[in-house]
Amino acid sequence: MLRKPKASVNRPPTPDMLENTPEREPTLQELINIKLIETGEKERLMELLRERLVDCGWKDEMKSLCRAFVKKKGRNNVTVDELIHVITPKGRASVPGSVKAELLQRIQSFLVSAAL
């Protein structure tokens, strides 16, 4: 059975995945993502996000939720996919508004300076 490679959540599609796609104009979101990657701003934003989430205790909170879930289900009865499925919504919902606002401000500033 020939399996089609999956697109990563964190990375844009690889060129070989795009070869079979008919030509089309990139969306605004895709153009912004390309510009963020080309300039290195995406990596800087990711690093800022990591720092802010550690500083506010979010990372420790997620680690604690994961440990509690694994303890409840039993270490041998939990898959990584199941853990991600359960924890991701809680993690997204618990990112502090101040962190979201700071990242949004940085993205908006980048878009203005990049004239997009």
N, C-alpha and C. Protein backbone atom coordinates (compact mmCIF):
# COMPACT_ATOMS: atom_id res chain seq x y z
N MET A 1 0.85 -1.18 0.00
CA MET A 1 0.00 0.00 0.00
C MET A 1 0.89 1.24 0.00
N LEU A 2 0.66 2.16 -0.92
CA LEU A 2 1.43 3.38 -1.02
C LEU A 2 0.75 4.46 -0.20
N ARG A 3 1.47 4.99 0.79
CA ARG A 3 0.89 6.00 1.67
C ARG A 3 1.35 7.38 1.25
N LYS A 4 0.43 8.31 1.24
CA LYS A 4 0.72 9.70 0.92
C LYS A 4 1.29 10.36 2.17
N PRO A 5 2.42 11.08 2.05
CA PRO A 5 2.98 11.72 3.23
C PRO A 5 2.03 12.78 3.77
N LYS A 6 1.98 12.88 5.09
CA LYS A 6 1.11 13.86 5.73
C LYS A 6 1.83 15.20 5.84
N ALA A 7 1.07 16.27 5.71
CA ALA A 7 1.63 17.60 5.91
C ALA A 7 1.79 17.82 7.41
N SER A 8 2.88 18.41 7.80
CA SER A 8 3.13 18.69 9.20
C SER A 8 2.31 19.87 9.66
N VAL A 9 1.94 19.87 10.92
CA VAL A 9 1.21 21.00 11.50
C VAL A 9 2.12 22.21 11.60
N ASN A 10 3.39 22.00 11.84
CA ASN A 10 4.31 23.10 12.11
C ASN A 10 5.12 23.57 10.91
N ARG A 11 5.07 22.84 9.83
CA ARG A 11 5.89 23.21 8.68
C ARG A 11 5.05 23.28 7.42
N PRO A 12 5.46 24.13 6.48
CA PRO A 12 4.73 24.17 5.21
C PRO A 12 4.97 22.89 4.44
N PRO A 13 4.10 22.59 3.47
CA PRO A 13 4.28 21.35 2.69
C PRO A 13 5.62 21.34 1.97
N THR A 14 6.18 20.15 1.84
CA THR A 14 7.45 20.02 1.13
C THR A 14 7.19 20.10 -0.38
N PRO A 15 8.20 20.49 -1.16
CA PRO A 15 8.00 20.65 -2.60
C PRO A 15 7.47 19.40 -3.29
N ASP A 16 7.90 18.20 -2.87
CA ASP A 16 7.43 16.99 -3.53
C ASP A 16 5.94 16.77 -3.31
N MET A 17 5.40 17.27 -2.22
CA MET A 17 3.96 17.16 -1.98
C MET A 17 3.20 18.12 -2.89
N LEU A 18 3.85 19.21 -3.27
CA LEU A 18 3.20 20.21 -4.10
C LEU A 18 3.27 19.87 -5.59
N GLU A 19 4.12 18.93 -5.98
CA GLU A 19 4.28 18.59 -7.38
C GLU A 19 3.00 18.09 -8.02
N ASN A 20 2.19 17.38 -7.27
CA ASN A 20 0.95 16.81 -7.81
C ASN A 20 -0.23 17.76 -7.69
N THR A 21 0.00 18.95 -7.14
CA THR A 21 -1.06 19.93 -6.94
C THR A 21 -1.15 20.82 -8.17
N PRO A 22 -2.37 21.05 -8.68
CA PRO A 22 -2.48 21.95 -9.82
C PRO A 22 -2.06 23.37 -9.44
N GLU A 23 -1.54 24.11 -10.43
CA GLU A 23 -1.06 25.47 -10.17
C GLU A 23 -2.22 26.36 -9.73
N ARG A 24 -1.98 27.14 -8.68
CA ARG A 24 -2.97 28.08 -8.20
C ARG A 24 -2.22 29.21 -7.50
N GLU A 25 -2.89 30.30 -7.31
CA GLU A 25 -2.29 31.42 -6.61
C GLU A 25 -2.26 31.11 -5.12
N PRO A 26 -1.15 31.43 -4.45
CA PRO A 26 -1.11 31.18 -3.00
C PRO A 26 -2.08 32.11 -2.28
N THR A 27 -2.64 31.61 -1.18
CA THR A 27 -3.55 32.42 -0.37
C THR A 27 -2.76 33.45 0.40
N LEU A 28 -3.45 34.43 0.96
CA LEU A 28 -2.78 35.45 1.76
C LEU A 28 -2.07 34.81 2.95
N GLN A 29 -2.72 33.86 3.57
CA GLN A 29 -2.12 33.16 4.71
C GLN A 29 -0.83 32.46 4.29
N GLU A 30 -0.83 31.83 3.13
CA GLU A 30 0.37 31.15 2.63
C GLU A 30 1.48 32.16 2.32
N LEU A 31 1.11 33.29 1.73
CA LEU A 31 2.10 34.33 1.43
C LEU A 31 2.74 34.87 2.71
N ILE A 32 1.92 35.10 3.72
CA ILE A 32 2.44 35.59 5.00
C ILE A 32 3.37 34.55 5.62
N ASN A 33 2.96 33.28 5.59
CA ASN A 33 3.78 32.21 6.16
C ASN A 33 5.13 32.12 5.44
N ILE A 34 5.11 32.23 4.12
CA ILE A 34 6.36 32.19 3.34
C ILE A 34 7.27 33.34 3.74
N LYS A 35 6.70 34.53 3.85
CA LYS A 35 7.49 35.71 4.20
C LYS A 35 8.07 35.57 5.62
N LEU A 36 7.25 35.06 6.54
CA LEU A 36 7.73 34.84 7.92
C LEU A 36 8.91 33.88 7.94
N ILE A 37 8.84 32.83 7.15
CA ILE A 37 9.91 31.83 7.10
C ILE A 37 11.15 32.41 6.44
N GLU A 38 10.97 33.07 5.29
CA GLU A 38 12.10 33.61 4.55
C GLU A 38 12.91 34.63 5.36
N THR A 39 12.22 35.41 6.16
CA THR A 39 12.90 36.45 6.94
C THR A 39 13.44 35.94 8.28
N GLY A 40 13.04 34.74 8.66
CA GLY A 40 13.46 34.21 9.95
C GLY A 40 12.58 34.68 11.09
N GLU A 41 11.56 35.48 10.78
CA GLU A 41 10.67 36.01 11.81
C GLU A 41 9.84 34.91 12.46
N LYS A 42 9.47 33.89 11.71
CA LYS A 42 8.67 32.81 12.27
C LYS A 42 9.43 32.13 13.41
N GLU A 43 10.70 31.86 13.19
CA GLU A 43 11.51 31.22 14.24
C GLU A 43 11.65 32.13 15.46
N ARG A 44 11.83 33.43 15.21
CA ARG A 44 11.91 34.39 16.33
C ARG A 44 10.60 34.43 17.12
N LEU A 45 9.48 34.39 16.42
CA LEU A 45 8.18 34.39 17.09
C LEU A 45 7.98 33.09 17.89
N MET A 46 8.42 31.98 17.32
CA MET A 46 8.29 30.70 18.04
C MET A 46 9.14 30.71 19.31
N GLU A 47 10.33 31.28 19.22
CA GLU A 47 11.20 31.36 20.40
C GLU A 47 10.57 32.27 21.46
N LEU A 48 10.02 33.40 21.03
CA LEU A 48 9.35 34.30 21.97
C LEU A 48 8.18 33.59 22.65
N LEU A 49 7.40 32.85 21.86
CA LEU A 49 6.27 32.11 22.43
C LEU A 49 6.75 31.09 23.46
N ARG A 50 7.80 30.34 23.12
CA ARG A 50 8.35 29.36 24.08
C ARG A 50 8.75 30.04 25.38
N GLU A 51 9.46 31.17 25.28
CA GLU A 51 9.91 31.89 26.47
C GLU A 51 8.73 32.35 27.32
N ARG A 52 7.73 32.95 26.67
CA ARG A 52 6.58 33.48 27.41
C ARG A 52 5.79 32.36 28.08
N LEU A 53 5.65 31.23 27.40
CA LEU A 53 4.90 30.12 27.99
C LEU A 53 5.63 29.50 29.17
N VAL A 54 6.94 29.48 29.12
CA VAL A 54 7.72 28.99 30.27
C VAL A 54 7.62 29.99 31.42
N ASP A 55 7.77 31.28 31.08
CA ASP A 55 7.74 32.33 32.11
C ASP A 55 6.42 32.36 32.89
N CYS A 56 5.31 32.13 32.20
CA CYS A 56 4.00 32.23 32.87
C CYS A 56 3.57 30.91 33.52
N GLY A 57 4.38 29.87 33.39
CA GLY A 57 4.07 28.59 34.02
C GLY A 57 3.20 27.67 33.18
N TRP A 58 2.89 28.07 31.96
CA TRP A 58 2.03 27.27 31.09
C TRP A 58 2.65 25.91 30.80
N LYS A 59 3.95 25.90 30.52
CA LYS A 59 4.62 24.64 30.18
C LYS A 59 4.54 23.66 31.34
N ASP A 60 4.79 24.14 32.55
CA ASP A 60 4.71 23.27 33.73
C ASP A 60 3.28 22.76 33.95
N GLU A 61 2.31 23.64 33.68
CA GLU A 61 0.90 23.25 33.82
C GLU A 61 0.56 22.12 32.84
N MET A 62 1.04 22.24 31.59
CA MET A 62 0.78 21.20 30.58
C MET A 62 1.48 19.90 30.95
N LYS A 63 2.69 20.02 31.45
CA LYS A 63 3.43 18.83 31.87
C LYS A 63 2.67 18.11 32.99
N SER A 64 2.14 18.88 33.91
CA SER A 64 1.38 18.32 35.02
C SER A 64 0.10 17.64 34.53
N LEU A 65 -0.59 18.27 33.59
CA LEU A 65 -1.80 17.66 33.02
C LEU A 65 -1.47 16.33 32.32
N CYS A 66 -0.37 16.31 31.59
CA CYS A 66 0.05 15.09 30.91
C CYS A 66 0.36 13.99 31.91
N ARG A 67 1.10 14.33 32.94
CA ARG A 67 1.45 13.32 33.95
C ARG A 67 0.22 12.78 34.64
N ALA A 68 -0.74 13.67 34.97
CA ALA A 68 -1.97 13.23 35.63
C ALA A 68 -2.77 12.30 34.72
N PHE A 69 -2.84 12.63 33.43
CA PHE A 69 -3.58 11.80 32.49
C PHE A 69 -2.94 10.42 32.36
N VAL A 70 -1.62 10.40 32.24
CA VAL A 70 -0.90 9.12 32.11
C VAL A 70 -1.07 8.29 33.38
N LYS A 71 -1.01 8.94 34.53
CA LYS A 71 -1.16 8.23 35.80
C LYS A 71 -2.57 7.63 35.91
N LYS A 72 -3.57 8.40 35.48
CA LYS A 72 -4.96 7.95 35.55
C LYS A 72 -5.21 6.76 34.63
N LYS A 73 -4.69 6.82 33.40
CA LYS A 73 -4.93 5.77 32.41
C LYS A 73 -3.98 4.58 32.55
N GLY A 74 -2.85 4.80 33.18
CA GLY A 74 -1.83 3.76 33.24
C GLY A 74 -0.80 3.98 32.16
N ARG A 75 0.44 3.91 32.54
CA ARG A 75 1.54 4.23 31.63
C ARG A 75 1.51 3.43 30.32
N ASN A 76 1.14 2.17 30.42
CA ASN A 76 1.15 1.31 29.24
C ASN A 76 -0.14 1.39 28.42
N ASN A 77 -1.10 2.18 28.89
CA ASN A 77 -2.40 2.26 28.22
C ASN A 77 -2.63 3.59 27.50
N VAL A 78 -1.57 4.39 27.35
CA VAL A 78 -1.71 5.71 26.73
C VAL A 78 -0.79 5.79 25.52
N THR A 79 -1.34 6.29 24.42
CA THR A 79 -0.51 6.54 23.24
C THR A 79 -0.23 8.05 23.17
N VAL A 80 0.81 8.40 22.45
CA VAL A 80 1.15 9.81 22.28
C VAL A 80 0.00 10.53 21.57
N ASP A 81 -0.58 9.89 20.56
CA ASP A 81 -1.70 10.49 19.83
C ASP A 81 -2.88 10.78 20.75
N GLU A 82 -3.18 9.85 21.63
CA GLU A 82 -4.29 10.03 22.58
C GLU A 82 -3.98 11.19 23.53
N LEU A 83 -2.77 11.25 24.01
CA LEU A 83 -2.35 12.32 24.91
C LEU A 83 -2.46 13.67 24.22
N ILE A 84 -2.00 13.76 22.99
CA ILE A 84 -2.09 15.00 22.22
C ILE A 84 -3.55 15.38 22.02
N HIS A 85 -4.39 14.42 21.68
CA HIS A 85 -5.81 14.67 21.43
C HIS A 85 -6.50 15.24 22.67
N VAL A 86 -6.14 14.74 23.84
CA VAL A 86 -6.78 15.19 25.08
C VAL A 86 -6.21 16.52 25.57
N ILE A 87 -4.90 16.69 25.49
CA ILE A 87 -4.25 17.85 26.09
C ILE A 87 -4.29 19.09 25.20
N THR A 88 -4.25 18.93 23.88
CA THR A 88 -4.18 20.09 22.97
C THR A 88 -5.29 21.11 23.19
N PRO A 89 -6.56 20.70 23.27
CA PRO A 89 -7.60 21.72 23.49
C PRO A 89 -7.42 22.48 24.81
N LYS A 90 -7.01 21.77 25.85
CA LYS A 90 -6.77 22.42 27.14
C LYS A 90 -5.60 23.38 27.05
N GLY A 91 -4.56 22.97 26.34
CA GLY A 91 -3.39 23.81 26.19
C GLY A 91 -3.69 25.08 25.43
N ARG A 92 -4.41 24.96 24.33
CA ARG A 92 -4.76 26.14 23.53
C ARG A 92 -5.64 27.10 24.33
N ALA A 93 -6.57 26.54 25.06
CA ALA A 93 -7.50 27.38 25.83
C ALA A 93 -6.82 28.08 27.00
N SER A 94 -5.72 27.53 27.47
CA SER A 94 -5.09 28.11 28.67
C SER A 94 -3.89 29.01 28.38
N VAL A 95 -3.61 29.30 27.11
CA VAL A 95 -2.55 30.26 26.79
C VAL A 95 -3.04 31.63 27.25
N PRO A 96 -2.27 32.32 28.09
CA PRO A 96 -2.72 33.62 28.61
C PRO A 96 -2.98 34.63 27.49
N GLY A 97 -4.01 35.44 27.69
CA GLY A 97 -4.37 36.46 26.72
C GLY A 97 -3.24 37.43 26.45
N SER A 98 -2.44 37.72 27.47
CA SER A 98 -1.33 38.66 27.29
C SER A 98 -0.29 38.10 26.33
N VAL A 99 -0.08 36.80 26.36
CA VAL A 99 0.88 36.16 25.45
C VAL A 99 0.33 36.21 24.02
N LYS A 100 -0.95 35.90 23.87
CA LYS A 100 -1.58 35.95 22.55
C LYS A 100 -1.51 37.37 21.99
N ALA A 101 -1.81 38.35 22.85
CA ALA A 101 -1.81 39.76 22.42
C ALA A 101 -0.42 40.21 22.00
N GLU A 102 0.60 39.80 22.74
CA GLU A 102 1.97 40.19 22.40
C GLU A 102 2.38 39.60 21.05
N LEU A 103 2.06 38.34 20.83
CA LEU A 103 2.39 37.71 19.55
C LEU A 103 1.63 38.36 18.40
N LEU A 104 0.36 38.64 18.62
CA LEU A 104 -0.43 39.28 17.58
C LEU A 104 0.16 40.65 17.23
N GLN A 105 0.57 41.40 18.24
CA GLN A 105 1.18 42.71 18.00
C GLN A 105 2.47 42.57 17.19
N ARG A 106 3.28 41.58 17.53
CA ARG A 106 4.53 41.36 16.80
C ARG A 106 4.25 40.97 15.34
N ILE A 107 3.23 40.15 15.12
CA ILE A 107 2.88 39.74 13.75
C ILE A 107 2.36 40.94 12.97
N GLN A 108 1.51 41.75 13.60
CA GLN A 108 1.00 42.94 12.92
C GLN A 108 2.12 43.90 12.56
N SER A 109 3.07 44.09 13.46
CA SER A 109 4.20 44.97 13.19
C SER A 109 5.03 44.43 12.02
N PHE A 110 5.21 43.11 12.00
CA PHE A 110 5.96 42.49 10.91
C PHE A 110 5.25 42.73 9.58
N LEU A 111 3.94 42.55 9.56
CA LEU A 111 3.17 42.72 8.32
C LEU A 111 3.26 44.17 7.81
N VAL A 112 3.22 45.12 8.73
CA VAL A 112 3.34 46.52 8.33
C VAL A 112 4.73 46.78 7.75
N SER A 113 5.75 46.28 8.43
CA SER A 113 7.13 46.53 7.96
C SER A 113 7.43 45.77 6.66
N ALA A 114 6.77 44.63 6.45
CA ALA A 114 6.99 43.84 5.24
C ALA A 114 6.08 44.31 4.11
N ALA A 115 5.20 45.24 4.40
CA ALA A 115 4.25 45.80 3.42
C ALA A 115 3.36 44.72 2.79
N LEU A 116 2.86 43.83 3.64
CA LEU A 116 1.95 42.78 3.14
C LEU A 116 0.51 43.17 3.43
